[in-house]
Amino acid sequence: RLIEFDEHNGLLSAEAGITFSAILAVIVPKGWFLPVS
């Protein structure tokens, strides 16, 4: 599960089983990216 996404400050909270691909699908359209991949 994606728990919380602070779009203003670029903070994302999620459960440990979420994949990077699932995270990217949410954050990229909002102007954010993974810090290391």
PDB file of all heavy atoms in Angstrom:
ATOM      1  N   ARG A   1       0.830  -1.211   0.000  1.00  0.00           N
ATOM      2  CA  ARG A   1       0.000   0.000   0.000  1.00  0.00           C
ATOM      3  C   ARG A   1       0.863   1.260   0.000  1.00  0.00           C
ATOM      4  O   ARG A   1       1.908   1.322   0.649  1.00  0.00           O
ATOM      5  CB  ARG A   1      -0.903   0.034   1.232  1.00  0.00           C
ATOM      6  CG  ARG A   1      -2.015  -0.992   1.263  1.00  0.00           C
ATOM      7  CD  ARG A   1      -2.962  -0.714   2.420  1.00  0.00           C
ATOM      8  NE  ARG A   1      -2.232  -0.563   3.676  1.00  0.00           N
ATOM      9  CZ  ARG A   1      -2.266   0.532   4.437  1.00  0.00           C
ATOM     10  NH1 ARG A   1      -2.996   1.575   4.062  1.00  0.00           N
ATOM     11  NH2 ARG A   1      -1.599   0.592   5.566  1.00  0.00           N
ATOM     12  N   LEU A   2       0.398   2.267  -0.716  1.00  0.00           N
ATOM     13  CA  LEU A   2       0.942   3.613  -0.612  1.00  0.00           C
ATOM     14  C   LEU A   2       0.217   4.292   0.542  1.00  0.00           C
ATOM     15  O   LEU A   2      -1.004   4.457   0.504  1.00  0.00           O
ATOM     16  CB  LEU A   2       0.727   4.375  -1.920  1.00  0.00           C
ATOM     17  CG  LEU A   2       1.280   5.792  -1.990  1.00  0.00           C
ATOM     18  CD1 LEU A   2       2.790   5.783  -1.909  1.00  0.00           C
ATOM     19  CD2 LEU A   2       0.822   6.470  -3.275  1.00  0.00           C
ATOM     20  N   ILE A   3       0.938   4.651   1.584  1.00  0.00           N
ATOM     21  CA  ILE A   3       0.314   5.166   2.804  1.00  0.00           C
ATOM     22  C   ILE A   3       0.045   6.659   2.705  1.00  0.00           C
ATOM     23  O   ILE A   3      -1.039   7.150   2.998  1.00  0.00           O
ATOM     24  CB  ILE A   3       1.205   4.857   4.025  1.00  0.00           C
ATOM     25  CG1 ILE A   3       1.350   3.332   4.192  1.00  0.00           C
ATOM     26  CG2 ILE A   3       0.624   5.478   5.293  1.00  0.00           C
ATOM     27  CD1 ILE A   3       2.386   2.932   5.216  1.00  0.00           C
ATOM     28  N   GLU A   4       1.058   7.427   2.279  1.00  0.00           N
ATOM     29  CA  GLU A   4       0.910   8.880   2.202  1.00  0.00           C
ATOM     30  C   GLU A   4       1.928   9.438   1.216  1.00  0.00           C
ATOM     31  O   GLU A   4       3.059   8.965   1.138  1.00  0.00           O
ATOM     32  CB  GLU A   4       1.130   9.525   3.574  1.00  0.00           C
ATOM     33  CG  GLU A   4       0.898  11.020   3.607  1.00  0.00           C
ATOM     34  CD  GLU A   4       1.073  11.614   4.991  1.00  0.00           C
ATOM     35  OE1 GLU A   4       1.395  10.870   5.933  1.00  0.00           O
ATOM     36  OE2 GLU A   4       0.875  12.839   5.120  1.00  0.00           O
ATOM     37  N   PHE A   5       1.510  10.437   0.448  1.00  0.00           N
ATOM     38  CA  PHE A   5       2.398  11.109  -0.487  1.00  0.00           C
ATOM     39  C   PHE A   5       2.246  12.613  -0.302  1.00  0.00           C
ATOM     40  O   PHE A   5       1.218  13.194  -0.643  1.00  0.00           O
ATOM     41  CB  PHE A   5       2.069  10.695  -1.927  1.00  0.00           C
ATOM     42  CG  PHE A   5       2.894  11.376  -2.982  1.00  0.00           C
ATOM     43  CD1 PHE A   5       4.175  11.862  -2.721  1.00  0.00           C
ATOM     44  CD2 PHE A   5       2.398  11.534  -4.271  1.00  0.00           C
ATOM     45  CE1 PHE A   5       4.924  12.496  -3.698  1.00  0.00           C
ATOM     46  CE2 PHE A   5       3.144  12.155  -5.260  1.00  0.00           C
ATOM     47  CZ  PHE A   5       4.408  12.649  -4.970  1.00  0.00           C
ATOM     48  N   ASP A   6       3.266  13.246   0.282  1.00  0.00           N
ATOM     49  CA  ASP A   6       3.299  14.686   0.467  1.00  0.00           C
ATOM     50  C   ASP A   6       3.856  15.299  -0.813  1.00  0.00           C
ATOM     51  O   ASP A   6       5.078  15.376  -1.010  1.00  0.00           O
ATOM     52  CB  ASP A   6       4.184  15.020   1.675  1.00  0.00           C
ATOM     53  CG  ASP A   6       4.275  16.509   1.959  1.00  0.00           C
ATOM     54  OD1 ASP A   6       3.900  17.310   1.081  1.00  0.00           O
ATOM     55  OD2 ASP A   6       4.745  16.871   3.057  1.00  0.00           O
ATOM     56  N   GLU A   7       2.980  15.736  -1.694  1.00  0.00           N
ATOM     57  CA  GLU A   7       3.392  16.241  -3.005  1.00  0.00           C
ATOM     58  C   GLU A   7       4.131  17.568  -2.913  1.00  0.00           C
ATOM     59  O   GLU A   7       4.893  17.920  -3.818  1.00  0.00           O
ATOM     60  CB  GLU A   7       2.165  16.400  -3.902  1.00  0.00           C
ATOM     61  CG  GLU A   7       1.423  15.110  -4.179  1.00  0.00           C
ATOM     62  CD  GLU A   7       0.184  15.338  -5.023  1.00  0.00           C
ATOM     63  OE1 GLU A   7       0.146  16.361  -5.759  1.00  0.00           O
ATOM     64  OE2 GLU A   7      -0.754  14.524  -4.955  1.00  0.00           O
ATOM     65  N   HIS A   8       3.919  18.299  -1.838  1.00  0.00           N
ATOM     66  CA  HIS A   8       4.572  19.604  -1.692  1.00  0.00           C
ATOM     67  C   HIS A   8       6.035  19.443  -1.290  1.00  0.00           C
ATOM     68  O   HIS A   8       6.923  20.125  -1.831  1.00  0.00           O
ATOM     69  CB  HIS A   8       3.831  20.456  -0.656  1.00  0.00           C
ATOM     70  CG  HIS A   8       4.454  21.799  -0.426  1.00  0.00           C
ATOM     71  ND1 HIS A   8       4.415  22.814  -1.361  1.00  0.00           N
ATOM     72  CD2 HIS A   8       5.158  22.283   0.642  1.00  0.00           C
ATOM     73  CE1 HIS A   8       5.049  23.872  -0.894  1.00  0.00           C
ATOM     74  NE2 HIS A   8       5.523  23.585   0.315  1.00  0.00           N
ATOM     75  N   ASN A   9       6.306  18.542  -0.370  1.00  0.00           N
ATOM     76  CA  ASN A   9       7.659  18.381   0.164  1.00  0.00           C
ATOM     77  C   ASN A   9       8.400  17.161  -0.393  1.00  0.00           C
ATOM     78  O   ASN A   9       9.577  16.961  -0.070  1.00  0.00           O
ATOM     79  CB  ASN A   9       7.604  18.268   1.692  1.00  0.00           C
ATOM     80  CG  ASN A   9       7.130  19.563   2.338  1.00  0.00           C
ATOM     81  OD1 ASN A   9       7.694  20.620   2.115  1.00  0.00           O
ATOM     82  ND2 ASN A   9       6.060  19.459   3.135  1.00  0.00           N
ATOM     83  N   GLY A  10       7.726  16.359  -1.208  1.00  0.00           N
ATOM     84  CA  GLY A  10       8.389  15.207  -1.794  1.00  0.00           C
ATOM     85  C   GLY A  10       8.717  14.113  -0.815  1.00  0.00           C
ATOM     86  O   GLY A  10       9.796  13.510  -0.866  1.00  0.00           O
ATOM     87  N   LEU A  11       7.783  13.824   0.084  1.00  0.00           N
ATOM     88  CA  LEU A  11       7.949  12.728   1.040  1.00  0.00           C
ATOM     89  C   LEU A  11       6.911  11.656   0.741  1.00  0.00           C
ATOM     90  O   LEU A  11       5.728  11.973   0.542  1.00  0.00           O
ATOM     91  CB  LEU A  11       7.786  13.222   2.474  1.00  0.00           C
ATOM     92  CG  LEU A  11       8.862  14.164   3.002  1.00  0.00           C
ATOM     93  CD1 LEU A  11       8.497  14.667   4.388  1.00  0.00           C
ATOM     94  CD2 LEU A  11      10.215  13.462   3.035  1.00  0.00           C
ATOM     95  N   LEU A  12       7.337  10.417   0.700  1.00  0.00           N
ATOM     96  CA  LEU A  12       6.432   9.315   0.389  1.00  0.00           C
ATOM     97  C   LEU A  12       6.561   8.234   1.451  1.00  0.00           C
ATOM     98  O   LEU A  12       7.674   7.807   1.779  1.00  0.00           O
ATOM     99  CB  LEU A  12       6.734   8.735  -0.992  1.00  0.00           C
ATOM    100  CG  LEU A  12       5.853   7.571  -1.446  1.00  0.00           C
ATOM    101  CD1 LEU A  12       5.475   7.720  -2.916  1.00  0.00           C
ATOM    102  CD2 LEU A  12       6.572   6.229  -1.247  1.00  0.00           C
ATOM    103  N   SER A  13       5.420   7.792   1.980  1.00  0.00           N
ATOM    104  CA  SER A  13       5.384   6.685   2.936  1.00  0.00           C
ATOM    105  C   SER A  13       4.626   5.524   2.306  1.00  0.00           C
ATOM    106  O   SER A  13       3.556   5.715   1.719  1.00  0.00           O
ATOM    107  CB  SER A  13       4.679   7.112   4.235  1.00  0.00           C
ATOM    108  OG  SER A  13       5.369   8.173   4.858  1.00  0.00           O
ATOM    109  N   ALA A  14       5.211   4.334   2.399  1.00  0.00           N
ATOM    110  CA  ALA A  14       4.592   3.161   1.776  1.00  0.00           C
ATOM    111  C   ALA A  14       4.998   1.913   2.516  1.00  0.00           C
ATOM    112  O   ALA A  14       5.979   1.894   3.281  1.00  0.00           O
ATOM    113  CB  ALA A  14       5.009   3.059   0.310  1.00  0.00           C
ATOM    114  N   GLU A  15       4.215   0.855   2.295  1.00  0.00           N
ATOM    115  CA  GLU A  15       4.574  -0.440   2.863  1.00  0.00           C
ATOM    116  C   GLU A  15       5.755  -1.040   2.102  1.00  0.00           C
ATOM    117  O   GLU A  15       6.008  -0.700   0.936  1.00  0.00           O
ATOM    118  CB  GLU A  15       3.372  -1.375   2.830  1.00  0.00           C
ATOM    119  CG  GLU A  15       2.265  -0.943   3.777  1.00  0.00           C
ATOM    120  CD  GLU A  15       1.080  -1.901   3.778  1.00  0.00           C
ATOM    121  OE1 GLU A  15       0.807  -2.520   2.725  1.00  0.00           O
ATOM    122  OE2 GLU A  15       0.419  -2.016   4.827  1.00  0.00           O
ATOM    123  N   ALA A  16       6.434  -1.952   2.753  1.00  0.00           N
ATOM    124  CA  ALA A  16       7.721  -2.436   2.241  1.00  0.00           C
ATOM    125  C   ALA A  16       7.602  -3.277   0.982  1.00  0.00           C
ATOM    126  O   ALA A  16       8.572  -3.410   0.233  1.00  0.00           O
ATOM    127  CB  ALA A  16       8.435  -3.246   3.325  1.00  0.00           C
ATOM    128  N   GLY A  17       6.441  -3.852   0.707  1.00  0.00           N
ATOM    129  CA  GLY A  17       6.295  -4.718  -0.455  1.00  0.00           C
ATOM    130  C   GLY A  17       5.959  -3.994  -1.740  1.00  0.00           C
ATOM    131  O   GLY A  17       5.875  -4.625  -2.799  1.00  0.00           O
ATOM    132  N   ILE A  18       5.787  -2.677  -1.694  1.00  0.00           N
ATOM    133  CA  ILE A  18       5.485  -1.934  -2.911  1.00  0.00           C
ATOM    134  C   ILE A  18       6.724  -1.903  -3.807  1.00  0.00           C
ATOM    135  O   ILE A  18       7.851  -1.836  -3.329  1.00  0.00           O
ATOM    136  CB  ILE A  18       5.018  -0.493  -2.574  1.00  0.00           C
ATOM    137  CG1 ILE A  18       4.348   0.157  -3.779  1.00  0.00           C
ATOM    138  CG2 ILE A  18       6.162   0.349  -2.046  1.00  0.00           C
ATOM    139  CD1 ILE A  18       3.655   1.482  -3.447  1.00  0.00           C
ATOM    140  N   THR A  19       6.527  -1.978  -5.107  1.00  0.00           N
ATOM    141  CA  THR A  19       7.664  -1.974  -6.031  1.00  0.00           C
ATOM    142  C   THR A  19       8.005  -0.555  -6.459  1.00  0.00           C
ATOM    143  O   THR A  19       7.177   0.356  -6.388  1.00  0.00           O
ATOM    144  CB  THR A  19       7.367  -2.811  -7.284  1.00  0.00           C
ATOM    145  OG1 THR A  19       6.258  -2.237  -7.981  1.00  0.00           O
ATOM    146  CG2 THR A  19       7.073  -4.264  -6.924  1.00  0.00           C
ATOM    147  N   PHE A  20       9.222  -0.379  -6.937  1.00  0.00           N
ATOM    148  CA  PHE A  20       9.618   0.913  -7.474  1.00  0.00           C
ATOM    149  C   PHE A  20       8.751   1.309  -8.661  1.00  0.00           C
ATOM    150  O   PHE A  20       8.434   2.478  -8.853  1.00  0.00           O
ATOM    151  CB  PHE A  20      11.089   0.872  -7.891  1.00  0.00           C
ATOM    152  CG  PHE A  20      12.057   1.190  -6.779  1.00  0.00           C
ATOM    153  CD1 PHE A  20      11.668   1.099  -5.457  1.00  0.00           C
ATOM    154  CD2 PHE A  20      13.353   1.576  -7.059  1.00  0.00           C
ATOM    155  CE1 PHE A  20      12.551   1.398  -4.425  1.00  0.00           C
ATOM    156  CE2 PHE A  20      14.249   1.885  -6.045  1.00  0.00           C
ATOM    157  CZ  PHE A  20      13.850   1.796  -4.728  1.00  0.00           C
ATOM    158  N   SER A  21       8.365   0.342  -9.489  1.00  0.00           N
ATOM    159  CA  SER A  21       7.530   0.662 -10.649  1.00  0.00           C
ATOM    160  C   SER A  21       6.188   1.240 -10.217  1.00  0.00           C
ATOM    161  O   SER A  21       5.673   2.185 -10.839  1.00  0.00           O
ATOM    162  CB  SER A  21       7.322  -0.576 -11.522  1.00  0.00           C
ATOM    163  OG  SER A  21       6.723  -1.634 -10.791  1.00  0.00           O
ATOM    164  N   ALA A  22       5.607   0.700  -9.134  1.00  0.00           N
ATOM    165  CA  ALA A  22       4.333   1.220  -8.630  1.00  0.00           C
ATOM    166  C   ALA A  22       4.509   2.618  -8.052  1.00  0.00           C
ATOM    167  O   ALA A  22       3.630   3.484  -8.210  1.00  0.00           O
ATOM    168  CB  ALA A  22       3.766   0.272  -7.572  1.00  0.00           C
ATOM    169  N   ILE A  23       5.616   2.853  -7.381  1.00  0.00           N
ATOM    170  CA  ILE A  23       5.885   4.186  -6.842  1.00  0.00           C
ATOM    171  C   ILE A  23       6.044   5.207  -7.972  1.00  0.00           C
ATOM    172  O   ILE A  23       5.473   6.302  -7.936  1.00  0.00           O
ATOM    173  CB  ILE A  23       7.147   4.163  -5.960  1.00  0.00           C
ATOM    174  CG1 ILE A  23       6.897   3.335  -4.685  1.00  0.00           C
ATOM    175  CG2 ILE A  23       7.578   5.578  -5.594  1.00  0.00           C
ATOM    176  CD1 ILE A  23       8.128   3.148  -3.816  1.00  0.00           C
ATOM    177  N   LEU A  24       6.798   4.850  -8.990  1.00  0.00           N
ATOM    178  CA  LEU A  24       7.048   5.768 -10.101  1.00  0.00           C
ATOM    179  C   LEU A  24       5.753   6.168 -10.810  1.00  0.00           C
ATOM    180  O   LEU A  24       5.606   7.315 -11.255  1.00  0.00           O
ATOM    181  CB  LEU A  24       8.024   5.138 -11.091  1.00  0.00           C
ATOM    182  CG  LEU A  24       9.476   5.045 -10.610  1.00  0.00           C
ATOM    183  CD1 LEU A  24      10.265   4.076 -11.479  1.00  0.00           C
ATOM    184  CD2 LEU A  24      10.132   6.420 -10.614  1.00  0.00           C
ATOM    185  N   ALA A  25       4.837   5.230 -10.938  1.00  0.00           N
ATOM    186  CA  ALA A  25       3.579   5.530 -11.621  1.00  0.00           C
ATOM    187  C   ALA A  25       2.799   6.628 -10.900  1.00  0.00           C
ATOM    188  O   ALA A  25       2.038   7.375 -11.531  1.00  0.00           O
ATOM    189  CB  ALA A  25       2.730   4.266 -11.715  1.00  0.00           C
ATOM    190  N   VAL A  26       3.027   6.753  -9.595  1.00  0.00           N
ATOM    191  CA  VAL A  26       2.323   7.764  -8.806  1.00  0.00           C
ATOM    192  C   VAL A  26       3.086   9.078  -8.760  1.00  0.00           C
ATOM    193  O   VAL A  26       2.511  10.160  -8.906  1.00  0.00           O
ATOM    194  CB  VAL A  26       2.086   7.244  -7.367  1.00  0.00           C
ATOM    195  CG1 VAL A  26       1.512   8.340  -6.479  1.00  0.00           C
ATOM    196  CG2 VAL A  26       1.167   6.035  -7.385  1.00  0.00           C
ATOM    197  N   ILE A  27       4.400   9.018  -8.580  1.00  0.00           N
ATOM    198  CA  ILE A  27       5.148  10.237  -8.281  1.00  0.00           C
ATOM    199  C   ILE A  27       5.605  11.008  -9.516  1.00  0.00           C
ATOM    200  O   ILE A  27       5.714  12.239  -9.479  1.00  0.00           O
ATOM    201  CB  ILE A  27       6.360   9.937  -7.374  1.00  0.00           C
ATOM    202  CG1 ILE A  27       7.404   9.071  -8.094  1.00  0.00           C
ATOM    203  CG2 ILE A  27       5.893   9.294  -6.077  1.00  0.00           C
ATOM    204  CD1 ILE A  27       8.680   8.848  -7.290  1.00  0.00           C
ATOM    205  N   VAL A  28       5.892  10.329 -10.621  1.00  0.00           N
ATOM    206  CA  VAL A  28       6.415  11.025 -11.804  1.00  0.00           C
ATOM    207  C   VAL A  28       5.423  12.067 -12.331  1.00  0.00           C
ATOM    208  O   VAL A  28       5.811  13.217 -12.609  1.00  0.00           O
ATOM    209  CB  VAL A  28       6.819  10.020 -12.903  1.00  0.00           C
ATOM    210  CG1 VAL A  28       7.116  10.744 -14.216  1.00  0.00           C
ATOM    211  CG2 VAL A  28       8.043   9.224 -12.467  1.00  0.00           C
ATOM    212  N   PRO A  29       4.133  11.760 -12.471  1.00  0.00           N
ATOM    213  CA  PRO A  29       3.195  12.796 -12.965  1.00  0.00           C
ATOM    214  C   PRO A  29       3.091  14.008 -12.041  1.00  0.00           C
ATOM    215  O   PRO A  29       2.629  15.067 -12.471  1.00  0.00           O
ATOM    216  CB  PRO A  29       1.860  12.033 -13.039  1.00  0.00           C
ATOM    217  CG  PRO A  29       2.245  10.598 -13.195  1.00  0.00           C
ATOM    218  CD  PRO A  29       3.467  10.440 -12.358  1.00  0.00           C
ATOM    219  N   LYS A  30       3.525  13.855 -10.802  1.00  0.00           N
ATOM    220  CA  LYS A  30       3.483  14.968  -9.855  1.00  0.00           C
ATOM    221  C   LYS A  30       4.813  15.722  -9.785  1.00  0.00           C
ATOM    222  O   LYS A  30       4.984  16.626  -8.963  1.00  0.00           O
ATOM    223  CB  LYS A  30       3.121  14.445  -8.452  1.00  0.00           C
ATOM    224  CG  LYS A  30       1.790  13.729  -8.385  1.00  0.00           C
ATOM    225  CD  LYS A  30       0.617  14.651  -8.745  1.00  0.00           C
ATOM    226  CE  LYS A  30      -0.710  13.918  -8.602  1.00  0.00           C
ATOM    227  NZ  LYS A  30      -1.868  14.800  -8.954  1.00  0.00           N
ATOM    228  N   GLY A  31       5.774  15.317 -10.620  1.00  0.00           N
ATOM    229  CA  GLY A  31       7.042  16.040 -10.668  1.00  0.00           C
ATOM    230  C   GLY A  31       8.084  15.577  -9.678  1.00  0.00           C
ATOM    231  O   GLY A  31       8.948  16.359  -9.272  1.00  0.00           O
ATOM    232  N   TRP A  32       8.039  14.283  -9.340  1.00  0.00           N
ATOM    233  CA  TRP A  32       9.019  13.731  -8.410  1.00  0.00           C
ATOM    234  C   TRP A  32       9.588  12.435  -8.963  1.00  0.00           C
ATOM    235  O   TRP A  32       8.966  11.764  -9.777  1.00  0.00           O
ATOM    236  CB  TRP A  32       8.406  13.482  -7.030  1.00  0.00           C
ATOM    237  CG  TRP A  32       7.921  14.725  -6.360  1.00  0.00           C
ATOM    238  CD1 TRP A  32       6.661  15.239  -6.373  1.00  0.00           C
ATOM    239  CD2 TRP A  32       8.714  15.638  -5.588  1.00  0.00           C
ATOM    240  NE1 TRP A  32       6.600  16.402  -5.673  1.00  0.00           N
ATOM    241  CE2 TRP A  32       7.851  16.677  -5.168  1.00  0.00           C
ATOM    242  CE3 TRP A  32      10.057  15.682  -5.207  1.00  0.00           C
ATOM    243  CZ2 TRP A  32       8.292  17.746  -4.379  1.00  0.00           C
ATOM    244  CZ3 TRP A  32      10.503  16.744  -4.429  1.00  0.00           C
ATOM    245  CH2 TRP A  32       9.626  17.756  -4.020  1.00  0.00           C
ATOM    246  N   PHE A  33      10.773  12.060  -8.468  1.00  0.00           N
ATOM    247  CA  PHE A  33      11.429  10.840  -8.925  1.00  0.00           C
ATOM    248  C   PHE A  33      12.126  10.178  -7.746  1.00  0.00           C
ATOM    249  O   PHE A  33      12.393  10.809  -6.718  1.00  0.00           O
ATOM    250  CB  PHE A  33      12.458  11.152 -10.023  1.00  0.00           C
ATOM    251  CG  PHE A  33      12.777   9.970 -10.908  1.00  0.00           C
ATOM    252  CD1 PHE A  33      11.882   9.557 -11.882  1.00  0.00           C
ATOM    253  CD2 PHE A  33      13.963   9.269 -10.750  1.00  0.00           C
ATOM    254  CE1 PHE A  33      12.164   8.465 -12.695  1.00  0.00           C
ATOM    255  CE2 PHE A  33      14.266   8.191 -11.547  1.00  0.00           C
ATOM    256  CZ  PHE A  33      13.362   7.782 -12.527  1.00  0.00           C
ATOM    257  N   LEU A  34      12.412   8.895  -7.902  1.00  0.00           N
ATOM    258  CA  LEU A  34      13.156   8.172  -6.866  1.00  0.00           C
ATOM    259  C   LEU A  34      14.551   8.762  -6.732  1.00  0.00           C
ATOM    260  O   LEU A  34      15.211   9.050  -7.738  1.00  0.00           O
ATOM    261  CB  LEU A  34      13.251   6.692  -7.228  1.00  0.00           C
ATOM    262  CG  LEU A  34      11.949   5.898  -7.149  1.00  0.00           C
ATOM    263  CD1 LEU A  34      12.089   4.576  -7.878  1.00  0.00           C
ATOM    264  CD2 LEU A  34      11.566   5.666  -5.684  1.00  0.00           C
ATOM    265  N   PRO A  35      15.045   8.918  -5.509  1.00  0.00           N
ATOM    266  CA  PRO A  35      16.354   9.547  -5.325  1.00  0.00           C
ATOM    267  C   PRO A  35      17.505   8.690  -5.820  1.00  0.00           C
ATOM    268  O   PRO A  35      18.537   9.219  -6.246  1.00  0.00           O
ATOM    269  CB  PRO A  35      16.432   9.760  -3.812  1.00  0.00           C
ATOM    270  CG  PRO A  35      15.557   8.684  -3.238  1.00  0.00           C
ATOM    271  CD  PRO A  35      14.424   8.550  -4.214  1.00  0.00           C
ATOM    272  N   VAL A  36      17.342   7.389  -5.758  1.00  0.00           N
ATOM    273  CA  VAL A  36      18.351   6.428  -6.215  1.00  0.00           C
ATOM    274  C   VAL A  36      17.609   5.240  -6.797  1.00  0.00           C
ATOM    275  O   VAL A  36      16.634   4.766  -6.216  1.00  0.00           O
ATOM    276  CB  VAL A  36      19.256   5.947  -5.058  1.00  0.00           C
ATOM    277  CG1 VAL A  36      20.171   4.818  -5.509  1.00  0.00           C
ATOM    278  CG2 VAL A  36      20.083   7.101  -4.494  1.00  0.00           C
ATOM    279  N   SER A  37      18.060   4.760  -7.936  1.00  0.00           N
ATOM    280  CA  SER A  37      17.395   3.624  -8.556  1.00  0.00           C
ATOM    281  C   SER A  37      18.419   2.688  -9.177  1.00  0.00           C
ATOM    282  O   SER A  37      19.297   3.135  -9.923  1.00  0.00           O
ATOM    283  CB  SER A  37      16.419   4.111  -9.631  1.00  0.00           C
ATOM    284  OG  SER A  37      15.593   3.052 -10.073  1.00  0.00           O
TER     285      SER A  37
END
